[in-house]
Amino acid sequence: MERDAMIRRLDDDEVVELSRDDLTEFLGLTEVVREDPTGIAGRIRTVRLGDRVLAQERTPKGRIYLRRLASEDAARRFVQSRLDAYERMWDG
């Protein structure tokens, strides 16, 4: 997927689902700011695409999502909430 098409999708929708092929291409278009291992569902990545801050995550069932966030601080809070939820899953 080309950069402009991805930007249009992200401007239209706060959350966008990607295929594995789109993810590979997408990561080539972005600057990875941070990667956090979940222990259950791969890594949550905080990335920049132009002036957009995004979180890229995979569900435990393998679906891949991008979420547009307001800032890197908002991304840190979002990632921490996800990591806390995964930690609770381990605790049962």
PDB file of N, CA and C in Angstrom:
ATOM      1  N   MET A   1       0.844  -1.172   0.000  1.00  0.00           N
ATOM      2  CA  MET A   1       0.000   0.000   0.000  1.00  0.00           C
ATOM      3  C   MET A   1       0.893   1.239   0.000  1.00  0.00           C
ATOM      4  N   GLU A   2       0.587   2.169  -0.827  1.00  0.00           N
ATOM      5  CA  GLU A   2       1.419   3.367  -0.927  1.00  0.00           C
ATOM      6  C   GLU A   2       1.163   4.305   0.247  1.00  0.00           C
ATOM      7  N   ARG A   3       2.124   5.149   0.479  1.00  0.00           N
ATOM      8  CA  ARG A   3       2.106   6.063   1.635  1.00  0.00           C
ATOM      9  C   ARG A   3       0.861   6.944   1.643  1.00  0.00           C
ATOM     10  N   ASP A   4       0.517   7.555   0.510  1.00  0.00           N
ATOM     11  CA  ASP A   4      -0.637   8.449   0.457  1.00  0.00           C
ATOM     12  C   ASP A   4      -1.945   7.711   0.752  1.00  0.00           C
ATOM     13  N   ALA A   5      -2.067   6.489   0.246  1.00  0.00           N
ATOM     14  CA  ALA A   5      -3.273   5.698   0.507  1.00  0.00           C
ATOM     15  C   ALA A   5      -3.381   5.374   1.997  1.00  0.00           C
ATOM     16  N   MET A   6      -2.250   5.041   2.630  1.00  0.00           N
ATOM     17  CA  MET A   6      -2.258   4.748   4.057  1.00  0.00           C
ATOM     18  C   MET A   6      -2.660   5.991   4.853  1.00  0.00           C
ATOM     19  N   ILE A   7      -2.119   7.134   4.490  1.00  0.00           N
ATOM     20  CA  ILE A   7      -2.459   8.373   5.191  1.00  0.00           C
ATOM     21  C   ILE A   7      -3.951   8.676   5.056  1.00  0.00           C
ATOM     22  N   ARG A   8      -4.499   8.488   3.861  1.00  0.00           N
ATOM     23  CA  ARG A   8      -5.936   8.717   3.670  1.00  0.00           C
ATOM     24  C   ARG A   8      -6.757   7.794   4.570  1.00  0.00           C
ATOM     25  N   ARG A   9      -6.374   6.518   4.626  1.00  0.00           N
ATOM     26  CA  ARG A   9      -7.101   5.566   5.484  1.00  0.00           C
ATOM     27  C   ARG A   9      -7.032   6.000   6.940  1.00  0.00           C
ATOM     28  N   LEU A  10      -5.858   6.421   7.385  1.00  0.00           N
ATOM     29  CA  LEU A  10      -5.694   6.823   8.779  1.00  0.00           C
ATOM     30  C   LEU A  10      -6.411   8.136   9.090  1.00  0.00           C
ATOM     31  N   ASP A  11      -6.515   9.008   8.113  1.00  0.00           N
ATOM     32  CA  ASP A  11      -7.252  10.249   8.313  1.00  0.00           C
ATOM     33  C   ASP A  11      -8.761   9.999   8.366  1.00  0.00           C
ATOM     34  N   ASP A  12      -9.220   8.954   7.678  1.00  0.00           N
ATOM     35  CA  ASP A  12     -10.648   8.624   7.659  1.00  0.00           C
ATOM     36  C   ASP A  12     -11.088   7.819   8.881  1.00  0.00           C
ATOM     37  N   ASP A  13     -10.211   6.944   9.380  1.00  0.00           N
ATOM     38  CA  ASP A  13     -10.566   6.034  10.466  1.00  0.00           C
ATOM     39  C   ASP A  13      -9.494   6.045  11.543  1.00  0.00           C
ATOM     40  N   GLU A  14      -9.908   6.071  12.785  1.00  0.00           N
ATOM     41  CA  GLU A  14      -8.952   6.070  13.898  1.00  0.00           C
ATOM     42  C   GLU A  14      -8.211   4.738  13.996  1.00  0.00           C
ATOM     43  N   VAL A  15      -8.900   3.636  13.640  1.00  0.00           N
ATOM     44  CA  VAL A  15      -8.304   2.308  13.694  1.00  0.00           C
ATOM     45  C   VAL A  15      -8.414   1.680  12.312  1.00  0.00           C
ATOM     46  N   VAL A  16      -7.291   1.137  11.827  1.00  0.00           N
ATOM     47  CA  VAL A  16      -7.237   0.528  10.499  1.00  0.00           C
ATOM     48  C   VAL A  16      -6.658  -0.876  10.641  1.00  0.00           C
ATOM     49  N   GLU A  17      -7.309  -1.854  10.010  1.00  0.00           N
ATOM     50  CA  GLU A  17      -6.775  -3.214   9.999  1.00  0.00           C
ATOM     51  C   GLU A  17      -5.851  -3.377   8.799  1.00  0.00           C
ATOM     52  N   LEU A  18      -4.730  -4.075   9.004  1.00  0.00           N
ATOM     53  CA  LEU A  18      -3.753  -4.332   7.948  1.00  0.00           C
ATOM     54  C   LEU A  18      -3.585  -5.816   7.730  1.00  0.00           C
ATOM     55  N   SER A  19      -3.241  -6.174   6.492  1.00  0.00           N
ATOM     56  CA  SER A  19      -2.807  -7.547   6.214  1.00  0.00           C
ATOM     57  C   SER A  19      -1.331  -7.651   6.591  1.00  0.00           C
ATOM     58  N   ARG A  20      -0.792  -8.846   6.641  1.00  0.00           N
ATOM     59  CA  ARG A  20       0.638  -9.024   6.930  1.00  0.00           C
ATOM     60  C   ARG A  20       1.495  -8.339   5.869  1.00  0.00           C
ATOM     61  N   ASP A  21       1.100  -8.453   4.601  1.00  0.00           N
ATOM     62  CA  ASP A  21       1.850  -7.790   3.529  1.00  0.00           C
ATOM     63  C   ASP A  21       1.816  -6.271   3.688  1.00  0.00           C
ATOM     64  N   ASP A  22       0.638  -5.732   4.017  1.00  0.00           N
ATOM     65  CA  ASP A  22       0.530  -4.283   4.235  1.00  0.00           C
ATOM     66  C   ASP A  22       1.391  -3.847   5.413  1.00  0.00           C
ATOM     67  N   LEU A  23       1.469  -4.682   6.459  1.00  0.00           N
ATOM     68  CA  LEU A  23       2.285  -4.325   7.615  1.00  0.00           C
ATOM     69  C   LEU A  23       3.752  -4.194   7.226  1.00  0.00           C
ATOM     70  N   THR A  24       4.255  -5.140   6.476  1.00  0.00           N
ATOM     71  CA  THR A  24       5.655  -5.082   6.046  1.00  0.00           C
ATOM     72  C   THR A  24       5.913  -3.809   5.265  1.00  0.00           C
ATOM     73  N   GLU A  25       5.033  -3.509   4.334  1.00  0.00           N
ATOM     74  CA  GLU A  25       5.177  -2.295   3.530  1.00  0.00           C
ATOM     75  C   GLU A  25       5.031  -1.047   4.404  1.00  0.00           C
ATOM     76  N   PHE A  26       4.058  -1.056   5.297  1.00  0.00           N
ATOM     77  CA  PHE A  26       3.813   0.073   6.190  1.00  0.00           C
ATOM     78  C   PHE A  26       5.043   0.380   7.045  1.00  0.00           C
ATOM     79  N   LEU A  27       5.648  -0.651   7.623  1.00  0.00           N
ATOM     80  CA  LEU A  27       6.809  -0.423   8.483  1.00  0.00           C
ATOM     81  C   LEU A  27       7.970   0.187   7.712  1.00  0.00           C
ATOM     82  N   GLY A  28       8.037  -0.075   6.410  1.00  0.00           N
ATOM     83  CA  GLY A  28       9.052   0.559   5.582  1.00  0.00           C
ATOM     84  C   GLY A  28       8.807   2.044   5.358  1.00  0.00           C
ATOM     85  N   LEU A  29       7.584   2.508   5.625  1.00  0.00           N
ATOM     86  CA  LEU A  29       7.224   3.917   5.424  1.00  0.00           C
ATOM     87  C   LEU A  29       7.318   4.745   6.691  1.00  0.00           C
ATOM     88  N   THR A  30       7.542   4.081   7.819  1.00  0.00           N
ATOM     89  CA  THR A  30       7.447   4.772   9.098  1.00  0.00           C
ATOM     90  C   THR A  30       8.773   4.809   9.848  1.00  0.00           C
ATOM     91  N   GLU A  31       8.788   5.609  10.867  1.00  0.00           N
ATOM     92  CA  GLU A  31       9.898   5.638  11.820  1.00  0.00           C
ATOM     93  C   GLU A  31       9.393   4.958  13.091  1.00  0.00           C
ATOM     94  N   VAL A  32      10.031   3.860  13.480  1.00  0.00           N
ATOM     95  CA  VAL A  32       9.637   3.176  14.707  1.00  0.00           C
ATOM     96  C   VAL A  32      10.223   3.954  15.886  1.00  0.00           C
ATOM     97  N   VAL A  33       9.352   4.403  16.769  1.00  0.00           N
ATOM     98  CA  VAL A  33       9.746   5.177  17.936  1.00  0.00           C
ATOM     99  C   VAL A  33      10.050   4.249  19.103  1.00  0.00           C
ATOM    100  N   ARG A  34       9.253   3.191  19.224  1.00  0.00           N
ATOM    101  CA  ARG A  34       9.367   2.299  20.372  1.00  0.00           C
ATOM    102  C   ARG A  34       8.704   0.968  20.052  1.00  0.00           C
ATOM    103  N   GLU A  35       9.235  -0.116  20.614  1.00  0.00           N
ATOM    104  CA  GLU A  35       8.620  -1.434  20.517  1.00  0.00           C
ATOM    105  C   GLU A  35       8.535  -2.026  21.907  1.00  0.00           C
ATOM    106  N   ASP A  36       7.351  -2.529  22.266  1.00  0.00           N
ATOM    107  CA  ASP A  36       7.148  -3.135  23.568  1.00  0.00           C
ATOM    108  C   ASP A  36       6.607  -4.544  23.393  1.00  0.00           C
ATOM    109  N   PRO A  37       7.308  -5.564  23.904  1.00  0.00           N
ATOM    110  CA  PRO A  37       6.807  -6.938  23.802  1.00  0.00           C
ATOM    111  C   PRO A  37       5.613  -7.138  24.732  1.00  0.00           C
ATOM    112  N   THR A  38       4.599  -7.824  24.236  1.00  0.00           N
ATOM    113  CA  THR A  38       3.402  -8.066  25.048  1.00  0.00           C
ATOM    114  C   THR A  38       3.473  -9.387  25.801  1.00  0.00           C
ATOM    115  N   GLY A  39       4.271 -10.322  25.299  1.00  0.00           N
ATOM    116  CA  GLY A  39       4.305 -11.643  25.911  1.00  0.00           C
ATOM    117  C   GLY A  39       3.186 -12.543  25.412  1.00  0.00           C
ATOM    118  N   ILE A  40       2.183 -11.985  24.782  1.00  0.00           N
ATOM    119  CA  ILE A  40       1.036 -12.765  24.299  1.00  0.00           C
ATOM    120  C   ILE A  40       0.795 -12.545  22.815  1.00  0.00           C
ATOM    121  N   ALA A  41       0.947 -11.309  22.366  1.00  0.00           N
ATOM    122  CA  ALA A  41       0.560 -10.951  20.995  1.00  0.00           C
ATOM    123  C   ALA A  41       1.657 -10.158  20.301  1.00  0.00           C
ATOM    124  N   GLY A  42       2.864 -10.665  20.349  1.00  0.00           N
ATOM    125  CA  GLY A  42       3.957  -9.985  19.652  1.00  0.00           C
ATOM    126  C   GLY A  42       4.314  -8.666  20.302  1.00  0.00           C
ATOM    127  N   ARG A  43       4.637  -7.693  19.480  1.00  0.00           N
ATOM    128  CA  ARG A  43       5.049  -6.375  19.966  1.00  0.00           C
ATOM    129  C   ARG A  43       3.998  -5.330  19.633  1.00  0.00           C
ATOM    130  N   ILE A  44       3.925  -4.344  20.504  1.00  0.00           N
ATOM    131  CA  ILE A  44       3.177  -3.136  20.178  1.00  0.00           C
ATOM    132  C   ILE A  44       4.226  -2.108  19.773  1.00  0.00           C
ATOM    133  N   ARG A  45       4.066  -1.569  18.585  1.00  0.00           N
ATOM    134  CA  ARG A  45       5.011  -0.563  18.091  1.00  0.00           C
ATOM    135  C   ARG A  45       4.363   0.811  18.128  1.00  0.00           C
ATOM    136  N   THR A  46       5.140   1.791  18.554  1.00  0.00           N
ATOM    137  CA  THR A  46       4.751   3.188  18.408  1.00  0.00           C
ATOM    138  C   THR A  46       5.561   3.707  17.234  1.00  0.00           C
ATOM    139  N   VAL A  47       4.878   4.251  16.237  1.00  0.00           N
ATOM    140  CA  VAL A  47       5.553   4.695  15.018  1.00  0.00           C
ATOM    141  C   VAL A  47       5.087   6.097  14.644  1.00  0.00           C
ATOM    142  N   ARG A  48       5.876   6.722  13.795  1.00  0.00           N
ATOM    143  CA  ARG A  48       5.521   8.020  13.205  1.00  0.00           C
ATOM    144  C   ARG A  48       5.391   7.836  11.699  1.00  0.00           C
ATOM    145  N   LEU A  49       4.359   8.425  11.157  1.00  0.00           N
ATOM    146  CA  LEU A  49       4.165   8.495   9.714  1.00  0.00           C
ATOM    147  C   LEU A  49       3.853   9.951   9.420  1.00  0.00           C
ATOM    148  N   GLY A  50       4.865  10.679   8.938  1.00  0.00           N
ATOM    149  CA  GLY A  50       4.711  12.124   8.805  1.00  0.00           C
ATOM    150  C   GLY A  50       4.544  12.719  10.180  1.00  0.00           C
ATOM    151  N   ASP A  51       3.473  13.503  10.371  1.00  0.00           N
ATOM    152  CA  ASP A  51       3.237  14.087  11.686  1.00  0.00           C
ATOM    153  C   ASP A  51       2.257  13.273  12.522  1.00  0.00           C
ATOM    154  N   ARG A  52       1.919  12.077  12.063  1.00  0.00           N
ATOM    155  CA  ARG A  52       0.983  11.216  12.770  1.00  0.00           C
ATOM    156  C   ARG A  52       1.736  10.262  13.700  1.00  0.00           C
ATOM    157  N   VAL A  53       1.173  10.048  14.887  1.00  0.00           N
ATOM    158  CA  VAL A  53       1.693   9.059  15.831  1.00  0.00           C
ATOM    159  C   VAL A  53       0.702   7.910  15.843  1.00  0.00           C
ATOM    160  N   LEU A  54       1.220   6.703  15.685  1.00  0.00           N
ATOM    161  CA  LEU A  54       0.368   5.519  15.569  1.00  0.00           C
ATOM    162  C   LEU A  54       0.863   4.413  16.484  1.00  0.00           C
ATOM    163  N   ALA A  55      -0.062   3.588  16.924  1.00  0.00           N
ATOM    164  CA  ALA A  55       0.299   2.352  17.608  1.00  0.00           C
ATOM    165  C   ALA A  55      -0.080   1.217  16.678  1.00  0.00           C
ATOM    166  N   GLN A  56       0.846   0.297  16.490  1.00  0.00           N
ATOM    167  CA  GLN A  56       0.583  -0.890  15.669  1.00  0.00           C
ATOM    168  C   GLN A  56       0.605  -2.082  16.613  1.00  0.00           C
ATOM    169  N   GLU A  57      -0.477  -2.842  16.604  1.00  0.00           N
ATOM    170  CA  GLU A  57      -0.564  -4.008  17.476  1.00  0.00           C
ATOM    171  C   GLU A  57      -1.195  -5.179  16.748  1.00  0.00           C
ATOM    172  N   ARG A  58      -0.948  -6.345  17.303  1.00  0.00           N
ATOM    173  CA  ARG A  58      -1.512  -7.585  16.768  1.00  0.00           C
ATOM    174  C   ARG A  58      -2.321  -8.213  17.888  1.00  0.00           C
ATOM    175  N   THR A  59      -3.486  -8.715  17.554  1.00  0.00           N
ATOM    176  CA  THR A  59      -4.301  -9.384  18.567  1.00  0.00           C
ATOM    177  C   THR A  59      -3.728 -10.776  18.821  1.00  0.00           C
ATOM    178  N   PRO A  60      -4.101 -11.401  19.933  1.00  0.00           N
ATOM    179  CA  PRO A  60      -3.646 -12.780  20.166  1.00  0.00           C
ATOM    180  C   PRO A  60      -4.058 -13.743  19.041  1.00  0.00           C
ATOM    181  N   LYS A  61      -5.092 -13.390  18.280  1.00  0.00           N
ATOM    182  CA  LYS A  61      -5.523 -14.225  17.148  1.00  0.00           C
ATOM    183  C   LYS A  61      -4.842 -13.838  15.842  1.00  0.00           C
ATOM    184  N   GLY A  62      -3.923 -12.857  15.877  1.00  0.00           N
ATOM    185  CA  GLY A  62      -3.124 -12.527  14.701  1.00  0.00           C
ATOM    186  C   GLY A  62      -3.610 -11.394  13.822  1.00  0.00           C
ATOM    187  N   ARG A  63      -4.713 -10.743  14.173  1.00  0.00           N
ATOM    188  CA  ARG A  63      -5.174  -9.597  13.382  1.00  0.00           C
ATOM    189  C   ARG A  63      -4.294  -8.400  13.701  1.00  0.00           C
ATOM    190  N   ILE A  64      -3.988  -7.587  12.700  1.00  0.00           N
ATOM    191  CA  ILE A  64      -3.052  -6.471  12.839  1.00  0.00           C
ATOM    192  C   ILE A  64      -3.818  -5.161  12.698  1.00  0.00           C
ATOM    193  N   TYR A  65      -3.599  -4.266  13.669  1.00  0.00           N
ATOM    194  CA  TYR A  65      -4.296  -2.988  13.668  1.00  0.00           C
ATOM    195  C   TYR A  65      -3.332  -1.825  13.852  1.00  0.00           C
ATOM    196  N   LEU A  66      -3.693  -0.705  13.257  1.00  0.00           N
ATOM    197  CA  LEU A  66      -3.035   0.581  13.494  1.00  0.00           C
ATOM    198  C   LEU A  66      -4.047   1.478  14.172  1.00  0.00           C
ATOM    199  N   ARG A  67      -3.582   2.201  15.150  1.00  0.00           N
ATOM    200  CA  ARG A  67      -4.447   3.137  15.862  1.00  0.00           C
ATOM    201  C   ARG A  67      -3.786   4.513  15.855  1.00  0.00           C
ATOM    202  N   ARG A  68      -4.503   5.503  15.363  1.00  0.00           N
ATOM    203  CA  ARG A  68      -4.009   6.883  15.345  1.00  0.00           C
ATOM    204  C   ARG A  68      -4.174   7.469  16.743  1.00  0.00           C
ATOM    205  N   LEU A  69      -3.122   8.113  17.236  1.00  0.00           N
ATOM    206  CA  LEU A  69      -3.140   8.710  18.573  1.00  0.00           C
ATOM    207  C   LEU A  69      -2.748  10.176  18.479  1.00  0.00           C
ATOM    208  N   ALA A  70      -3.120  10.941  19.486  1.00  0.00           N
ATOM    209  CA  ALA A  70      -2.921  12.390  19.443  1.00  0.00           C
ATOM    210  C   ALA A  70      -1.464  12.805  19.587  1.00  0.00           C
ATOM    211  N   SER A  71      -0.661  12.012  20.297  1.00  0.00           N
ATOM    212  CA  SER A  71       0.717  12.403  20.579  1.00  0.00           C
ATOM    213  C   SER A  71       1.514  11.182  21.042  1.00  0.00           C
ATOM    214  N   GLU A  72       2.825  11.350  21.176  1.00  0.00           N
ATOM    215  CA  GLU A  72       3.645  10.263  21.715  1.00  0.00           C
ATOM    216  C   GLU A  72       3.266   9.978  23.166  1.00  0.00           C
ATOM    217  N   ASP A  73       2.885  11.002  23.916  1.00  0.00           N
ATOM    218  CA  ASP A  73       2.458  10.796  25.295  1.00  0.00           C
ATOM    219  C   ASP A  73       1.172   9.958  25.332  1.00  0.00           C
ATOM    220  N   ALA A  74       0.239  10.267  24.450  1.00  0.00           N
ATOM    221  CA  ALA A  74      -0.991   9.472  24.360  1.00  0.00           C
ATOM    222  C   ALA A  74      -0.664   8.044  23.951  1.00  0.00           C
ATOM    223  N   ALA A  75       0.303   7.866  23.075  1.00  0.00           N
ATOM    224  CA  ALA A  75       0.721   6.529  22.658  1.00  0.00           C
ATOM    225  C   ALA A  75       1.308   5.766  23.843  1.00  0.00           C
ATOM    226  N   ARG A  76       2.137   6.422  24.659  1.00  0.00           N
ATOM    227  CA  ARG A  76       2.713   5.760  25.839  1.00  0.00           C
ATOM    228  C   ARG A  76       1.612   5.292  26.786  1.00  0.00           C
ATOM    229  N   ARG A  77       0.621   6.133  27.003  1.00  0.00           N
ATOM    230  CA  ARG A  77      -0.493   5.749  27.884  1.00  0.00           C
ATOM    231  C   ARG A  77      -1.277   4.576  27.289  1.00  0.00           C
ATOM    232  N   PHE A  78      -1.529   4.625  25.981  1.00  0.00           N
ATOM    233  CA  PHE A  78      -2.258   3.543  25.322  1.00  0.00           C
ATOM    234  C   PHE A  78      -1.484   2.230  25.446  1.00  0.00           C
ATOM    235  N   VAL A  79      -0.198   2.259  25.135  1.00  0.00           N
ATOM    236  CA  VAL A  79       0.625   1.044  25.202  1.00  0.00           C
ATOM    237  C   VAL A  79       0.654   0.515  26.635  1.00  0.00           C
ATOM    238  N   GLN A  80       0.819   1.394  27.609  1.00  0.00           N
ATOM    239  CA  GLN A  80       0.853   0.940  28.997  1.00  0.00           C
ATOM    240  C   GLN A  80      -0.458   0.278  29.397  1.00  0.00           C
ATOM    241  N   SER A  81      -1.584   0.816  28.941  1.00  0.00           N
ATOM    242  CA  SER A  81      -2.876   0.201  29.270  1.00  0.00           C
ATOM    243  C   SER A  81      -2.987  -1.187  28.640  1.00  0.00           C
ATOM    244  N   ARG A  82      -2.465  -1.346  27.414  1.00  0.00           N
ATOM    245  CA  ARG A  82      -2.467  -2.661  26.773  1.00  0.00           C
ATOM    246  C   ARG A  82      -1.559  -3.639  27.536  1.00  0.00           C
ATOM    247  N   LEU A  83      -0.355  -3.182  27.897  1.00  0.00           N
ATOM    248  CA  LEU A  83       0.573  -4.042  28.629  1.00  0.00           C
ATOM    249  C   LEU A  83      -0.008  -4.442  29.975  1.00  0.00           C
ATOM    250  N   ASP A  84      -0.683  -3.529  30.641  1.00  0.00           N
ATOM    251  CA  ASP A  84      -1.336  -3.851  31.914  1.00  0.00           C
ATOM    252  C   ASP A  84      -2.412  -4.916  31.707  1.00  0.00           C
ATOM    253  N   ALA A  85      -3.183  -4.797  30.630  1.00  0.00           N
ATOM    254  CA  ALA A  85      -4.229  -5.790  30.342  1.00  0.00           C
ATOM    255  C   ALA A  85      -3.614  -7.159  30.063  1.00  0.00           C
ATOM    256  N   TYR A  86      -2.526  -7.198  29.296  1.00  0.00           N
ATOM    257  CA  TYR A  86      -1.866  -8.479  29.032  1.00  0.00           C
ATOM    258  C   TYR A  86      -1.296  -9.074  30.316  1.00  0.00           C
ATOM    259  N   GLU A  87      -0.778  -8.251  31.197  1.00  0.00           N
ATOM    260  CA  GLU A  87      -0.243  -8.728  32.474  1.00  0.00           C
ATOM    261  C   GLU A  87      -1.359  -9.363  33.303  1.00  0.00           C
ATOM    262  N   ARG A  88      -2.541  -8.739  33.297  1.00  0.00           N
ATOM    263  CA  ARG A  88      -3.685  -9.311  34.025  1.00  0.00           C
ATOM    264  C   ARG A  88      -4.081 -10.670  33.431  1.00  0.00           C
ATOM    265  N   MET A  89      -3.942 -10.832  32.112  1.00  0.00           N
ATOM    266  CA  MET A  89      -4.255 -12.123  31.484  1.00  0.00           C
ATOM    267  C   MET A  89      -3.340 -13.216  32.040  1.00  0.00           C
ATOM    268  N   TRP A  90      -2.078 -12.881  32.215  1.00  0.00           N
ATOM    269  CA  TRP A  90      -1.134 -13.864  32.773  1.00  0.00           C
ATOM    270  C   TRP A  90      -1.519 -14.246  34.189  1.00  0.00           C
ATOM    271  N   ASP A  91      -2.060 -13.271  34.939  1.00  0.00           N
ATOM    272  CA  ASP A  91      -2.409 -13.528  36.321  1.00  0.00           C
ATOM    273  C   ASP A  91      -3.703 -14.330  36.471  1.00  0.00           C
ATOM    274  N   GLY A  92      -4.448 -14.438  35.347  1.00  0.00           N
ATOM    275  CA  GLY A  92      -5.663 -15.246  35.339  1.00  0.00           C
ATOM    276  C   GLY A  92      -6.804 -14.514  35.931  1.00  0.00           C
TER     277      GLY A  92
END
